Amino acid sequence: MLNLQQDLDGFIHMGRHFPNKITIAITFTDGTRGEFSGARLNELYDEALAAYRLGNSLDAKGFDRAPAKIHRRNAVEIVPVSSDMAQ
């Protein structure tokens, strides 16, 4: 089992997918604790990545089709979570 801590802004740090069958315990800022499957956190990660790409005008593969002067990393490392998201 993997243990993660929610930060004060409501996010967990997750820079990659977890194995689907792993159980991950998250301690929330209010002191409660919830258990998520790796598959569920992977879904939340994918949603956060899609929102990041949409908000930054990137396509589904993460490429900016317009010329850009600054190269930004095409990834998210924080995922919003709350206790009602565990399913």
Protein backbone atom coordinates (compact mmCIF):
# COMPACT_ATOMS: atom_id res chain seq x y z
CA MET A 1 0.00 0.00 0.00
CA LEU A 2 1.21 3.47 -0.88
CA ASN A 3 0.47 6.44 1.39
CA LEU A 4 0.08 9.97 0.01
CA GLN A 5 -0.63 13.29 1.72
CA GLN A 6 -2.95 15.92 0.28
CA ASP A 7 -1.39 19.39 0.26
CA LEU A 8 -3.12 22.51 1.56
CA ASP A 9 -4.43 23.38 -1.91
CA GLY A 10 -6.24 20.03 -2.27
CA PHE A 11 -3.76 18.25 -4.52
CA ILE A 12 -1.60 15.16 -4.37
CA HIS A 13 1.74 14.96 -6.17
CA MET A 14 1.59 12.36 -8.91
CA GLY A 15 3.96 12.57 -11.86
CA ARG A 16 3.09 9.26 -13.46
CA HIS A 17 0.50 6.48 -13.57
CA PHE A 18 0.39 3.95 -10.76
CA PRO A 19 -0.23 0.22 -11.31
CA ASN A 20 -4.00 -0.29 -11.68
CA LYS A 21 -4.35 -2.84 -8.89
CA ILE A 22 -2.36 -1.02 -6.20
CA THR A 23 -4.21 0.47 -3.22
CA ILE A 24 -3.26 4.03 -2.36
CA ALA A 25 -4.21 5.63 0.94
CA ILE A 26 -4.55 9.40 0.91
CA THR A 27 -4.55 11.44 4.09
CA PHE A 28 -6.60 14.58 3.48
CA THR A 29 -5.93 17.97 5.05
CA ASP A 30 -8.99 17.62 7.31
CA GLY A 31 -7.46 14.51 8.88
CA THR A 32 -9.66 11.94 7.16
CA ARG A 33 -8.19 9.12 5.17
CA GLY A 34 -9.44 7.51 1.98
CA GLU A 35 -8.35 4.58 -0.11
CA PHE A 36 -8.16 4.78 -3.88
CA SER A 37 -7.27 2.15 -6.45
CA GLY A 38 -4.43 2.87 -8.80
CA ALA A 39 -6.90 2.75 -11.68
CA ARG A 40 -9.05 5.50 -10.10
CA LEU A 41 -6.06 7.77 -9.47
CA ASN A 42 -4.89 7.15 -13.04
CA GLU A 43 -8.31 8.35 -14.25
CA LEU A 44 -8.00 11.49 -12.11
CA TYR A 45 -4.48 12.05 -13.45
CA ASP A 46 -5.71 11.74 -17.04
CA GLU A 47 -8.52 14.23 -16.33
CA ALA A 48 -6.06 16.71 -14.81
CA LEU A 49 -3.74 16.29 -17.80
CA ALA A 50 -6.61 16.86 -20.25
CA ALA A 51 -7.66 20.00 -18.35
CA TYR A 52 -4.06 21.26 -18.39
CA ARG A 53 -3.77 20.70 -22.13
CA LEU A 54 -7.13 22.35 -22.81
CA GLY A 55 -6.23 25.33 -20.65
CA ASN A 56 -2.92 25.77 -22.43
CA SER A 57 -4.28 25.30 -25.99
CA LEU A 58 -2.45 22.01 -26.56
CA ASP A 59 -3.74 19.16 -28.69
CA ALA A 60 -4.51 15.64 -27.40
CA LYS A 61 -0.87 14.61 -27.73
CA GLY A 62 0.30 17.70 -25.87
CA PHE A 63 1.69 19.63 -28.83
CA ASP A 64 1.15 23.31 -29.36
CA ARG A 65 0.48 23.65 -33.06
CA ALA A 66 1.08 27.41 -33.00
CA PRO A 67 4.66 28.68 -32.96
CA ALA A 68 5.88 29.24 -29.44
CA LYS A 69 8.95 30.98 -28.10
CA ILE A 70 9.00 29.14 -24.78
CA HIS A 71 9.00 25.37 -24.44
CA ARG A 72 7.03 24.22 -21.43
CA ARG A 73 6.99 20.75 -20.02
CA ASN A 74 3.92 18.86 -21.18
CA ALA A 75 2.93 17.16 -17.94
CA VAL A 76 1.13 17.68 -14.69
CA GLU A 77 2.54 16.71 -11.34
CA ILE A 78 -0.38 17.63 -9.13
CA VAL A 79 -3.84 16.08 -9.19
CA PRO A 80 -6.86 17.50 -7.34
CA VAL A 81 -8.48 14.96 -4.99
CA SER A 82 -11.23 14.91 -2.40
CA SER A 83 -12.64 12.19 -0.20
CA ASP A 84 -15.80 11.82 -2.32
CA MET A 85 -13.77 10.87 -5.42
CA ALA A 86 -12.87 7.37 -4.19
CA GLN A 87 -14.98 4.75 -5.91
